[in-house]
N, C-alpha and C. Protein backbone atom coordinates (compact mmCIF):
# COMPACT_ATOMS: atom_id res chain seq x y z
N UNK A 1 33.58 -26.68 -4.52
CA UNK A 1 32.22 -27.08 -4.43
C UNK A 1 31.45 -25.58 -4.80
N UNK A 2 30.31 -25.70 -5.72
CA UNK A 2 29.47 -24.57 -6.06
C UNK A 2 28.42 -24.38 -5.02
N UNK A 3 28.33 -23.06 -4.61
CA UNK A 3 27.45 -22.94 -3.33
C UNK A 3 26.02 -22.15 -4.01
N UNK A 4 25.05 -22.90 -3.73
CA UNK A 4 23.67 -22.31 -3.95
C UNK A 4 23.42 -20.88 -3.29
N UNK A 5 23.00 -19.90 -3.97
CA UNK A 5 22.71 -18.67 -3.32
C UNK A 5 21.09 -18.41 -3.53
N UNK A 6 20.55 -18.06 -2.24
CA UNK A 6 19.31 -17.88 -2.16
C UNK A 6 19.08 -16.28 -2.39
N UNK A 7 18.15 -16.18 -3.42
CA UNK A 7 18.07 -14.52 -3.60
C UNK A 7 16.42 -14.16 -3.51
N UNK A 8 16.28 -13.34 -2.49
CA UNK A 8 14.81 -12.70 -2.29
C UNK A 8 14.51 -11.78 -3.39
N UNK A 9 13.27 -11.99 -4.12
CA UNK A 9 13.08 -11.18 -5.08
C UNK A 9 11.69 -10.39 -4.74
N UNK A 10 11.98 -8.96 -4.83
CA UNK A 10 10.78 -8.02 -4.33
C UNK A 10 10.19 -7.34 -5.65
N UNK A 11 8.93 -7.57 -5.80
CA UNK A 11 8.44 -7.12 -7.19
C UNK A 11 7.69 -5.82 -6.73
N UNK A 12 7.71 -4.67 -7.51
CA UNK A 12 7.19 -3.53 -7.04
C UNK A 12 5.74 -3.17 -7.50
N UNK A 13 5.20 -4.01 -8.17
CA UNK A 13 3.85 -4.02 -8.64
C UNK A 13 3.05 -5.20 -7.94
N UNK A 14 1.80 -4.83 -7.62
CA UNK A 14 0.80 -5.78 -6.87
C UNK A 14 0.07 -6.45 -7.70
N UNK A 15 -0.13 -6.04 -8.92
CA UNK A 15 -1.00 -6.47 -9.93
C UNK A 15 -0.85 -7.92 -10.22
N UNK A 16 -1.90 -8.65 -10.49
CA UNK A 16 -1.60 -10.06 -10.74
C UNK A 16 -0.98 -10.20 -11.91
N UNK A 17 -1.41 -9.70 -13.13
CA UNK A 17 -0.86 -9.65 -14.50
C UNK A 17 0.37 -8.78 -14.75
N UNK A 18 0.97 -8.26 -13.54
CA UNK A 18 2.01 -7.26 -13.76
C UNK A 18 3.15 -7.85 -14.71
N UNK A 19 3.56 -6.97 -15.35
CA UNK A 19 4.83 -7.22 -16.41
C UNK A 19 5.98 -7.51 -15.48
N UNK A 20 6.03 -6.81 -14.36
CA UNK A 20 7.33 -7.13 -13.36
C UNK A 20 7.22 -8.57 -12.69
N UNK A 21 6.10 -8.92 -12.44
CA UNK A 21 5.95 -10.24 -11.86
C UNK A 21 6.19 -11.08 -13.01
N UNK A 22 5.71 -10.99 -14.05
CA UNK A 22 6.14 -11.96 -15.31
C UNK A 22 7.68 -11.98 -15.33
N UNK A 23 8.39 -10.92 -15.29
CA UNK A 23 9.70 -10.69 -15.58
C UNK A 23 10.36 -11.57 -14.35
N UNK A 24 9.94 -11.44 -13.04
CA UNK A 24 10.49 -12.12 -11.85
C UNK A 24 10.29 -13.56 -12.21
N UNK A 25 9.14 -13.90 -12.56
CA UNK A 25 9.11 -15.63 -12.89
C UNK A 25 9.95 -15.93 -14.12
N UNK A 26 10.09 -15.09 -15.22
CA UNK A 26 10.96 -15.57 -16.23
C UNK A 26 12.25 -15.60 -15.78
N UNK A 27 12.92 -14.55 -14.98
CA UNK A 27 14.16 -14.66 -14.60
C UNK A 27 14.51 -15.87 -13.51
N UNK A 28 13.45 -16.29 -13.10
CA UNK A 28 13.70 -17.65 -12.04
C UNK A 28 14.13 -18.63 -13.12
N UNK A 29 13.55 -18.89 -14.28
CA UNK A 29 13.91 -19.73 -15.10
C UNK A 29 15.26 -19.67 -15.77
N UNK A 30 15.62 -18.37 -16.01
CA UNK A 30 16.94 -18.00 -16.76
C UNK A 30 17.94 -18.08 -15.79
N UNK A 31 17.73 -18.11 -14.44
CA UNK A 31 18.87 -17.94 -13.48
C UNK A 31 19.71 -19.20 -13.56
N UNK A 32 21.13 -19.16 -13.35
CA UNK A 32 22.04 -20.11 -13.26
C UNK A 32 21.64 -20.96 -12.17
N UNK A 33 22.02 -22.44 -12.14
CA UNK A 33 21.64 -23.25 -11.21
C UNK A 33 22.11 -22.75 -9.91
N UNK A 34 23.19 -22.04 -9.76
CA UNK A 34 23.67 -21.64 -8.56
C UNK A 34 22.85 -20.41 -7.63
N UNK A 35 21.87 -19.89 -8.42
CA UNK A 35 21.12 -18.82 -8.04
C UNK A 35 19.65 -19.41 -7.77
N UNK A 36 19.11 -19.29 -6.68
CA UNK A 36 17.62 -19.74 -6.47
C UNK A 36 17.07 -18.53 -6.23
N UNK A 37 16.13 -18.12 -7.21
CA UNK A 37 15.27 -16.97 -7.00
C UNK A 37 13.87 -17.22 -6.40
N UNK A 38 13.42 -16.40 -5.38
CA UNK A 38 12.08 -16.61 -4.79
C UNK A 38 11.39 -15.36 -4.53
N UNK A 39 10.18 -15.09 -5.01
CA UNK A 39 9.58 -13.82 -4.85
C UNK A 39 9.06 -13.86 -3.39
N UNK A 40 9.32 -12.69 -2.86
CA UNK A 40 8.94 -12.50 -1.35
C UNK A 40 7.73 -11.46 -1.43
N UNK A 41 6.70 -11.70 -1.05
CA UNK A 41 5.51 -10.89 -1.12
C UNK A 41 5.56 -9.58 -0.21
N UNK A 42 5.19 -8.45 -0.62
CA UNK A 42 5.22 -7.28 0.13
C UNK A 42 3.70 -6.61 0.08
N UNK A 43 2.92 -7.19 -0.46
CA UNK A 43 1.41 -6.59 -0.54
C UNK A 43 0.74 -6.48 0.93
N UNK A 44 1.03 -7.27 1.74
CA UNK A 44 0.33 -7.73 2.91
C UNK A 44 0.98 -6.93 4.11
N UNK A 45 2.17 -6.03 3.68
CA UNK A 45 2.83 -5.28 4.81
C UNK A 45 1.87 -4.05 5.26
N UNK A 46 1.63 -3.89 6.45
CA UNK A 46 0.89 -2.80 6.73
C UNK A 46 2.04 -1.52 6.62
N UNK A 47 1.51 -0.26 6.42
CA UNK A 47 2.28 0.71 6.60
C UNK A 47 3.26 0.91 7.86
N UNK A 48 4.34 1.31 7.58
CA UNK A 48 5.45 1.45 8.59
C UNK A 48 4.97 2.53 9.54
N UNK A 49 4.74 2.05 10.98
CA UNK A 49 4.45 3.32 11.95
C UNK A 49 5.17 2.77 13.28
N UNK A 50 6.06 3.67 13.80
CA UNK A 50 6.72 3.45 14.95
C UNK A 50 5.89 3.16 16.03
N UNK A 51 4.71 3.84 16.15
CA UNK A 51 3.92 3.30 17.36
C UNK A 51 3.42 1.90 17.34
N UNK A 52 3.23 1.49 16.29
CA UNK A 52 2.81 0.08 16.05
C UNK A 52 3.96 -0.90 16.45
N UNK A 53 5.29 -0.43 15.95
CA UNK A 53 6.33 -1.21 16.32
C UNK A 53 6.59 -1.42 18.00
N UNK A 54 6.40 0.01 18.47
CA UNK A 54 6.52 -0.19 19.81
C UNK A 54 5.55 -1.02 20.63
N UNK A 55 4.34 -1.07 20.11
CA UNK A 55 3.37 -1.83 20.70
C UNK A 55 3.65 -3.46 20.33
N UNK A 56 4.58 -3.79 19.67
CA UNK A 56 4.69 -5.23 19.19
C UNK A 56 4.52 -5.25 17.52
N UNK A 57 5.65 -5.62 16.94
CA UNK A 57 5.63 -5.68 15.53
C UNK A 57 4.66 -6.78 14.98
N UNK A 58 3.88 -6.33 13.70
CA UNK A 58 2.86 -7.32 13.35
C UNK A 58 3.50 -8.49 12.81
N UNK A 59 2.94 -9.76 12.70
CA UNK A 59 3.54 -10.94 12.16
C UNK A 59 3.99 -10.76 10.95
N UNK A 60 3.34 -10.06 10.15
CA UNK A 60 3.93 -9.90 8.71
C UNK A 60 5.14 -9.19 8.35
N UNK A 61 5.45 -8.14 9.53
CA UNK A 61 6.55 -7.43 9.56
C UNK A 61 7.79 -8.44 9.95
N UNK A 62 7.42 -9.10 11.25
CA UNK A 62 8.42 -10.01 11.58
C UNK A 62 8.80 -11.35 10.58
N UNK A 63 7.85 -11.77 9.82
CA UNK A 63 8.07 -12.86 8.86
C UNK A 63 8.95 -12.27 7.64
N UNK A 64 8.57 -11.08 7.15
CA UNK A 64 9.22 -10.48 6.11
C UNK A 64 10.64 -10.23 6.36
N UNK A 65 10.99 -9.73 7.63
CA UNK A 65 12.38 -9.33 8.02
C UNK A 65 13.17 -10.69 8.11
N UNK A 66 12.42 -11.47 8.70
CA UNK A 66 13.16 -12.88 8.78
C UNK A 66 13.59 -13.47 7.40
N UNK A 67 12.59 -13.40 6.40
CA UNK A 67 12.92 -13.90 4.97
C UNK A 67 14.06 -13.04 4.35
N UNK A 68 14.09 -11.83 4.72
CA UNK A 68 15.06 -11.07 4.06
C UNK A 68 16.48 -11.37 4.69
N UNK A 69 16.58 -11.42 6.04
CA UNK A 69 17.72 -11.92 6.68
C UNK A 69 18.30 -13.25 6.13
N UNK A 70 17.27 -14.31 5.93
CA UNK A 70 17.69 -15.56 5.59
C UNK A 70 18.16 -15.63 4.17
N UNK A 71 18.02 -14.55 3.36
CA UNK A 71 18.43 -14.86 1.83
C UNK A 71 19.87 -14.29 1.84
N UNK A 72 20.57 -14.73 0.86
CA UNK A 72 22.00 -14.48 0.66
C UNK A 72 22.05 -12.89 -0.14
N UNK A 73 20.97 -12.70 -0.87
CA UNK A 73 20.96 -11.51 -1.73
C UNK A 73 19.57 -10.99 -2.02
N UNK A 74 19.29 -9.66 -2.52
CA UNK A 74 18.00 -9.38 -2.83
C UNK A 74 18.16 -8.76 -4.29
N UNK A 75 16.87 -9.08 -5.01
CA UNK A 75 16.66 -8.42 -6.39
C UNK A 75 15.60 -7.71 -6.34
N UNK A 76 15.66 -6.48 -6.71
CA UNK A 76 14.39 -5.65 -6.97
C UNK A 76 13.92 -5.51 -8.41
N UNK A 77 12.79 -5.81 -8.61
CA UNK A 77 12.21 -5.60 -9.77
C UNK A 77 10.98 -4.74 -10.01
N UNK A 78 11.19 -3.41 -10.59
CA UNK A 78 10.30 -2.38 -10.12
C UNK A 78 9.70 -1.61 -11.31
N UNK A 79 8.37 -1.19 -11.44
CA UNK A 79 7.75 -0.30 -12.40
C UNK A 79 8.26 1.24 -11.82
N UNK A 80 7.91 2.04 -12.68
CA UNK A 80 8.07 3.65 -12.24
C UNK A 80 6.77 4.22 -11.96
N UNK A 81 6.42 4.73 -10.89
CA UNK A 81 5.09 5.52 -10.53
C UNK A 81 5.58 6.82 -10.29
N UNK A 82 4.94 7.59 -11.21
CA UNK A 82 5.42 9.19 -11.11
C UNK A 82 6.64 9.47 -11.00
N UNK A 83 7.50 8.91 -11.84
CA UNK A 83 8.96 9.07 -11.65
C UNK A 83 9.79 8.83 -10.54
N UNK A 84 9.04 7.60 -9.84
CA UNK A 84 9.65 7.36 -8.62
C UNK A 84 9.25 5.90 -8.21
N UNK A 85 9.65 5.34 -7.04
CA UNK A 85 9.44 3.95 -6.68
C UNK A 85 7.77 3.82 -6.15
N UNK A 86 7.25 2.70 -6.38
CA UNK A 86 5.88 2.44 -5.97
C UNK A 86 5.94 2.40 -4.49
N UNK A 87 4.90 3.12 -3.86
CA UNK A 87 4.67 3.17 -2.61
C UNK A 87 4.85 1.68 -1.52
N UNK A 88 4.54 0.87 -2.25
CA UNK A 88 4.47 -0.46 -1.52
C UNK A 88 5.90 -0.97 -1.54
N UNK A 89 6.75 -0.53 -2.41
CA UNK A 89 8.06 -1.11 -2.40
C UNK A 89 8.85 -0.33 -1.39
N UNK A 90 8.75 1.09 -1.37
CA UNK A 90 9.26 2.01 -0.44
C UNK A 90 8.94 1.56 1.12
N UNK A 91 7.49 1.09 1.25
CA UNK A 91 7.23 0.79 2.59
C UNK A 91 7.94 -0.73 2.97
N UNK A 92 8.18 -1.56 2.06
CA UNK A 92 8.99 -2.83 2.29
C UNK A 92 10.42 -2.23 2.76
N UNK A 93 11.00 -1.32 2.16
CA UNK A 93 12.32 -0.99 2.53
C UNK A 93 12.29 -0.60 4.08
N UNK A 94 11.19 0.32 4.22
CA UNK A 94 11.11 0.92 5.63
C UNK A 94 10.84 -0.07 6.66
N UNK A 95 9.92 -1.18 6.29
CA UNK A 95 9.62 -2.13 7.26
C UNK A 95 10.96 -2.96 7.43
N UNK A 96 11.84 -3.40 6.52
CA UNK A 96 12.92 -4.17 6.80
C UNK A 96 13.79 -3.37 7.34
N UNK A 97 14.07 -2.12 7.61
CA UNK A 97 15.00 -1.43 8.03
C UNK A 97 14.98 -1.23 9.47
N UNK A 98 13.81 -1.57 10.15
CA UNK A 98 13.50 -1.50 11.66
C UNK A 98 13.36 -2.72 12.18
N UNK A 99 13.57 -2.79 13.44
CA UNK A 99 13.83 -1.74 14.50
C UNK A 99 15.12 -1.19 14.25
N UNK A 100 15.39 0.16 14.71
CA UNK A 100 16.61 0.76 14.35
C UNK A 100 17.87 -0.04 14.93
N UNK A 101 18.84 -0.13 14.15
CA UNK A 101 19.87 -1.00 14.28
C UNK A 101 19.79 -2.46 14.06
N UNK A 102 18.76 -2.85 13.73
CA UNK A 102 18.59 -4.17 13.27
C UNK A 102 18.02 -4.51 11.77
N UNK A 103 18.54 -3.54 11.06
CA UNK A 103 18.02 -3.61 9.67
C UNK A 103 18.22 -5.08 8.92
N UNK A 104 17.25 -5.56 8.35
CA UNK A 104 17.46 -6.70 7.51
C UNK A 104 18.12 -6.67 6.16
N UNK A 105 18.36 -5.40 5.79
CA UNK A 105 19.11 -5.15 4.42
C UNK A 105 20.58 -4.95 4.73
N UNK A 106 21.09 -4.85 5.96
CA UNK A 106 22.50 -4.32 6.07
C UNK A 106 23.36 -5.28 5.56
N UNK A 107 24.18 -4.82 4.55
CA UNK A 107 25.23 -5.65 4.01
C UNK A 107 24.74 -6.55 2.93
N UNK A 108 23.55 -6.64 2.66
CA UNK A 108 22.87 -7.68 1.67
C UNK A 108 23.23 -7.22 0.26
N UNK A 109 23.99 -8.13 -0.43
CA UNK A 109 24.25 -7.78 -2.00
C UNK A 109 22.86 -7.67 -2.73
N UNK A 110 22.60 -6.60 -3.67
CA UNK A 110 21.64 -6.28 -4.20
C UNK A 110 21.49 -6.07 -5.79
N UNK A 111 20.54 -6.08 -6.56
CA UNK A 111 20.52 -5.65 -8.05
C UNK A 111 19.15 -5.26 -8.05
N UNK A 112 19.03 -4.19 -9.08
CA UNK A 112 17.78 -3.66 -9.21
C UNK A 112 17.47 -3.76 -11.02
N UNK A 113 16.26 -4.06 -11.10
CA UNK A 113 15.89 -4.22 -12.55
C UNK A 113 14.45 -3.10 -12.79
N UNK A 114 14.61 -2.29 -13.81
CA UNK A 114 13.61 -1.30 -14.13
C UNK A 114 12.78 -1.98 -15.26
N UNK A 115 11.38 -2.00 -15.12
CA UNK A 115 10.69 -2.55 -16.51
C UNK A 115 9.58 -1.83 -16.57
N UNK A 116 8.94 -1.61 -17.77
CA UNK A 116 7.75 -0.75 -18.04
C UNK A 116 7.32 -0.97 -19.50
N UNK A 117 6.15 -0.79 -19.64
CA UNK A 117 5.43 -0.76 -21.11
C UNK A 117 6.04 0.45 -21.85
N UNK A 118 6.24 1.43 -20.96
CA UNK A 118 6.74 2.64 -21.54
C UNK A 118 8.18 2.56 -22.07
N UNK A 119 8.45 3.91 -22.70
CA UNK A 119 9.76 3.96 -23.32
C UNK A 119 10.99 4.23 -22.40
N UNK A 120 10.87 4.56 -21.02
CA UNK A 120 12.01 4.71 -20.35
C UNK A 120 12.59 3.58 -19.48
N UNK A 121 11.51 2.40 -19.32
CA UNK A 121 11.87 1.23 -18.69
C UNK A 121 12.07 1.41 -17.20
N UNK A 122 11.31 2.37 -16.54
CA UNK A 122 11.48 2.45 -15.01
C UNK A 122 12.92 3.08 -14.75
N UNK A 123 13.41 3.89 -15.49
CA UNK A 123 14.74 4.64 -15.28
C UNK A 123 14.81 5.56 -14.03
N UNK A 124 13.58 6.25 -13.80
CA UNK A 124 13.53 7.17 -12.54
C UNK A 124 13.36 6.46 -11.44
N UNK A 125 12.50 5.34 -11.36
CA UNK A 125 12.35 4.51 -10.15
C UNK A 125 13.68 3.77 -9.88
N UNK A 126 14.34 3.22 -10.71
CA UNK A 126 15.59 2.47 -10.47
C UNK A 126 16.63 3.42 -9.61
N UNK A 127 16.66 4.66 -10.24
CA UNK A 127 17.78 5.64 -9.59
C UNK A 127 17.18 6.14 -8.18
N UNK A 128 15.93 6.27 -8.00
CA UNK A 128 15.55 6.68 -6.62
C UNK A 128 15.61 5.30 -5.97
N UNK A 129 15.45 4.23 -6.24
CA UNK A 129 15.70 3.06 -5.31
C UNK A 129 17.22 2.80 -5.00
N UNK A 130 17.95 3.10 -5.85
CA UNK A 130 19.39 3.08 -5.70
C UNK A 130 19.81 3.92 -4.64
N UNK A 131 19.35 5.31 -4.68
CA UNK A 131 19.38 6.12 -3.53
C UNK A 131 19.06 5.62 -2.06
N UNK A 132 18.30 4.89 -1.97
CA UNK A 132 17.55 4.44 -0.75
C UNK A 132 18.52 3.41 -0.30
N UNK A 133 19.04 2.42 -1.31
CA UNK A 133 19.69 1.30 -0.92
C UNK A 133 21.11 1.68 -0.45
N UNK A 134 21.57 3.00 -0.89
CA UNK A 134 22.84 3.43 -0.25
C UNK A 134 22.69 3.74 1.12
N UNK A 135 21.68 4.36 1.47
CA UNK A 135 21.33 4.55 2.98
C UNK A 135 21.27 3.35 3.73
N UNK A 136 20.70 2.17 3.14
CA UNK A 136 20.51 0.87 3.84
C UNK A 136 21.59 0.07 3.84
N UNK A 137 22.79 0.55 3.21
CA UNK A 137 23.93 -0.31 3.08
C UNK A 137 23.92 -1.56 2.31
N UNK A 138 22.94 -1.51 1.31
CA UNK A 138 23.17 -2.58 0.38
C UNK A 138 23.89 -2.40 -0.68
N UNK A 139 25.05 -3.16 -0.90
CA UNK A 139 25.97 -2.77 -2.14
C UNK A 139 25.37 -3.35 -3.37
N UNK A 140 24.97 -2.42 -4.26
CA UNK A 140 24.15 -2.62 -5.41
C UNK A 140 24.99 -2.94 -6.63
N UNK A 141 24.57 -3.90 -7.45
CA UNK A 141 25.41 -4.20 -8.69
C UNK A 141 25.22 -2.90 -9.51
N UNK A 142 26.43 -2.61 -10.12
CA UNK A 142 26.50 -1.35 -10.99
C UNK A 142 26.03 -1.65 -12.56
N UNK A 143 26.64 -2.55 -13.12
CA UNK A 143 26.67 -3.05 -14.28
C UNK A 143 26.34 -4.55 -14.62
N UNK A 144 25.61 -4.90 -15.50
CA UNK A 144 24.93 -4.02 -16.54
C UNK A 144 23.68 -3.64 -15.85
N UNK A 145 23.25 -2.37 -16.30
CA UNK A 145 22.15 -1.64 -15.81
C UNK A 145 20.90 -2.34 -16.73
N UNK A 146 19.63 -2.40 -15.99
CA UNK A 146 18.77 -3.13 -16.87
C UNK A 146 17.35 -2.19 -16.82
N UNK A 147 16.99 -1.73 -17.67
CA UNK A 147 15.90 -0.86 -17.94
C UNK A 147 15.08 -1.39 -19.22
N UNK A 148 14.04 -2.33 -18.92
CA UNK A 148 13.30 -2.86 -20.23
C UNK A 148 12.15 -2.19 -20.40
N UNK A 149 12.08 -1.60 -21.55
CA UNK A 149 11.00 -0.74 -22.08
C UNK A 149 10.15 -1.66 -22.93
N UNK A 150 8.93 -1.26 -23.34
CA UNK A 150 8.03 -2.25 -24.00
C UNK A 150 7.92 -3.53 -23.36
N UNK A 151 7.88 -3.56 -21.97
CA UNK A 151 7.96 -5.00 -21.44
C UNK A 151 6.59 -5.77 -21.48
N UNK A 152 5.44 -5.03 -22.01
CA UNK A 152 4.39 -5.91 -22.15
C UNK A 152 4.47 -6.66 -23.67
N UNK A 153 5.42 -6.52 -24.33
CA UNK A 153 5.68 -7.10 -25.56
C UNK A 153 6.87 -8.37 -25.55
N UNK A 154 7.41 -8.38 -24.42
CA UNK A 154 8.74 -9.21 -24.42
C UNK A 154 8.36 -10.68 -24.07
N UNK A 155 7.18 -11.01 -23.81
CA UNK A 155 7.06 -12.44 -23.42
C UNK A 155 6.09 -13.35 -24.44
N UNK A 156 6.38 -14.67 -24.39
CA UNK A 156 5.68 -15.32 -25.26
C UNK A 156 4.55 -15.91 -24.44
N UNK A 157 3.58 -16.79 -25.13
CA UNK A 157 2.26 -17.19 -24.61
C UNK A 157 2.56 -18.02 -23.10
N UNK A 158 3.89 -18.37 -23.08
CA UNK A 158 3.96 -19.21 -21.75
C UNK A 158 4.91 -18.45 -20.64
N UNK A 159 4.74 -17.04 -20.81
CA UNK A 159 5.63 -16.23 -19.91
C UNK A 159 7.22 -16.29 -19.97
N UNK A 160 7.66 -16.90 -21.08
CA UNK A 160 9.10 -16.79 -21.31
C UNK A 160 9.49 -15.53 -22.09
N UNK A 161 10.67 -15.17 -22.02
CA UNK A 161 11.20 -14.07 -22.59
C UNK A 161 11.34 -14.48 -24.30
N UNK A 162 10.68 -13.93 -25.01
CA UNK A 162 10.51 -14.32 -26.41
C UNK A 162 11.71 -13.83 -27.42
N UNK A 163 12.39 -12.68 -27.04
CA UNK A 163 13.31 -12.24 -27.80
C UNK A 163 14.85 -12.72 -27.45
N UNK A 164 15.47 -13.39 -28.47
CA UNK A 164 16.72 -14.00 -28.06
C UNK A 164 17.56 -12.93 -27.49
N UNK A 165 17.89 -11.89 -28.00
CA UNK A 165 18.72 -10.87 -27.69
C UNK A 165 18.44 -10.41 -26.22
N UNK A 166 17.15 -10.19 -25.86
CA UNK A 166 16.86 -9.86 -24.59
C UNK A 166 17.17 -10.92 -23.54
N UNK A 167 16.76 -12.18 -24.03
CA UNK A 167 17.05 -13.35 -23.11
C UNK A 167 18.50 -13.44 -22.79
N UNK A 168 19.35 -13.27 -23.76
CA UNK A 168 20.85 -13.46 -23.69
C UNK A 168 21.32 -12.31 -22.83
N UNK A 169 20.74 -11.07 -22.87
CA UNK A 169 21.20 -9.90 -21.93
C UNK A 169 20.94 -10.15 -20.45
N UNK A 170 19.65 -10.63 -20.31
CA UNK A 170 19.03 -11.05 -18.83
C UNK A 170 20.10 -11.97 -18.33
N UNK A 171 20.46 -13.09 -19.28
CA UNK A 171 21.31 -14.21 -18.64
C UNK A 171 22.62 -13.44 -18.23
N UNK A 172 23.00 -12.62 -19.03
CA UNK A 172 24.28 -11.81 -18.55
C UNK A 172 24.31 -11.13 -17.53
N UNK A 173 23.21 -10.37 -17.27
CA UNK A 173 23.03 -9.77 -15.97
C UNK A 173 22.73 -10.76 -14.77
N UNK A 174 22.40 -11.72 -14.90
CA UNK A 174 22.04 -12.70 -13.81
C UNK A 174 23.53 -13.24 -13.51
N UNK A 175 24.31 -13.63 -14.47
CA UNK A 175 25.78 -14.11 -14.29
C UNK A 175 26.45 -12.97 -13.50
N UNK A 176 26.36 -11.65 -13.98
CA UNK A 176 27.17 -10.61 -13.33
C UNK A 176 26.62 -10.26 -11.92
N UNK A 177 25.30 -10.61 -11.66
CA UNK A 177 24.67 -10.72 -10.25
C UNK A 177 25.48 -11.71 -9.40
N UNK A 178 25.52 -12.91 -9.86
CA UNK A 178 26.10 -14.06 -9.24
C UNK A 178 27.54 -13.73 -8.84
N UNK A 179 28.16 -13.31 -9.74
CA UNK A 179 29.68 -12.84 -9.37
C UNK A 179 29.74 -11.78 -8.21
N UNK A 180 28.70 -10.87 -8.37
CA UNK A 180 28.53 -9.70 -7.36
C UNK A 180 28.39 -10.34 -6.12
N UNK A 181 27.26 -11.17 -5.89
CA UNK A 181 27.12 -11.68 -4.56
C UNK A 181 28.36 -12.55 -4.14
N UNK A 182 29.02 -13.28 -4.97
CA UNK A 182 30.25 -13.98 -4.41
C UNK A 182 31.42 -12.89 -3.98
N UNK A 183 31.46 -11.52 -4.48
CA UNK A 183 32.47 -10.74 -4.16
C UNK A 183 32.13 -10.07 -2.90
N UNK A 184 30.76 -9.84 -2.76
CA UNK A 184 30.41 -8.75 -1.73
C UNK A 184 29.45 -9.48 -0.46
N UNK A 185 29.10 -10.64 -0.86
CA UNK A 185 28.23 -11.15 0.10
C UNK A 185 28.95 -12.11 1.19
N UNK A 186 28.21 -12.67 2.11
CA UNK A 186 28.46 -13.46 3.35
C UNK A 186 28.30 -14.92 2.80
N UNK A 187 29.15 -15.80 2.79
CA UNK A 187 28.91 -17.11 2.54
C UNK A 187 29.11 -18.08 3.63
N UNK A 188 28.55 -19.27 3.57
CA UNK A 188 28.76 -20.14 4.75
C UNK A 188 30.06 -20.77 4.49
N UNK A 189 30.79 -21.18 5.76
CA UNK A 189 32.16 -21.76 5.87
C UNK A 189 32.02 -23.14 5.06
N UNK A 190 33.04 -23.34 4.65
CA UNK A 190 33.25 -24.75 3.75
C UNK A 190 32.89 -25.83 4.61
N UNK A 191 32.67 -27.08 4.31
CA UNK A 191 32.08 -28.22 4.94
C UNK A 191 33.22 -28.60 6.08
N UNK A 192 34.74 -28.57 5.73
CA UNK A 192 35.48 -28.98 6.63
C UNK A 192 35.76 -27.81 7.79
N UNK A 193 34.95 -26.82 7.75
CA UNK A 193 35.18 -25.71 8.89
C UNK A 193 33.95 -25.68 9.47
N UNK A 194 32.95 -26.86 9.40
CA UNK A 194 31.58 -26.61 10.23
C UNK A 194 31.66 -26.17 11.50
N UNK A 195 30.67 -25.21 11.97
CA UNK A 195 30.80 -24.66 13.44
C UNK A 195 31.42 -23.41 13.43
N UNK A 196 32.31 -23.01 12.32
CA UNK A 196 32.87 -21.74 12.55
C UNK A 196 31.92 -20.68 12.07
N UNK A 197 32.29 -19.35 12.42
CA UNK A 197 31.50 -18.28 11.95
C UNK A 197 31.49 -18.03 10.52
N UNK A 198 30.38 -17.44 10.05
CA UNK A 198 30.43 -16.98 8.61
C UNK A 198 31.58 -16.28 8.08
N UNK A 199 31.94 -16.45 6.90
CA UNK A 199 33.06 -15.73 6.31
C UNK A 199 32.76 -15.00 5.06
N UNK A 200 33.43 -13.85 4.96
CA UNK A 200 33.28 -13.13 3.78
C UNK A 200 33.66 -13.61 2.72
N UNK A 201 32.86 -13.53 1.47
CA UNK A 201 33.29 -14.12 0.20
C UNK A 201 34.49 -13.17 -0.45
């Protein structure tokens, strides 16, 4: 029986017409039936502050952590801001990693996509993000690497990937991510073992 995987998608740009958001939506359409991609908003998360945590975490922090914990995997789609990760995305990592010892990221299979209208395709941001994900114990898909340059020109009028070779490459990436999740993630027990603990894939 093929298992459906729920993938939480974090977009590192808040702009409504962001090419990163467009790419997230396009990937939802390209994903195999076994992967269900869903954007998890990060724009309303207050900046992480330990004092606030100690007084009682805001509802947005709690809801965000719960959504990450409920996902089978996480996919990060990010632009590059000043050769690094956008602050809003770094804040989401910090919020999800607390309280100490209860990180929502721990052991969650991940993948990173960099995209930009510029020529480097978010290369610097991707590698800074990968460094943080090592610290958070997120096993990240290594290959294929995805750096989409000229991203403002890859969509058609309906938000689909217009170029066939780019579309095929992204489908290859999603398939590799699916395999990665199966290898590294936690999956539910089979129906004949209902009630038993989660088992490693």
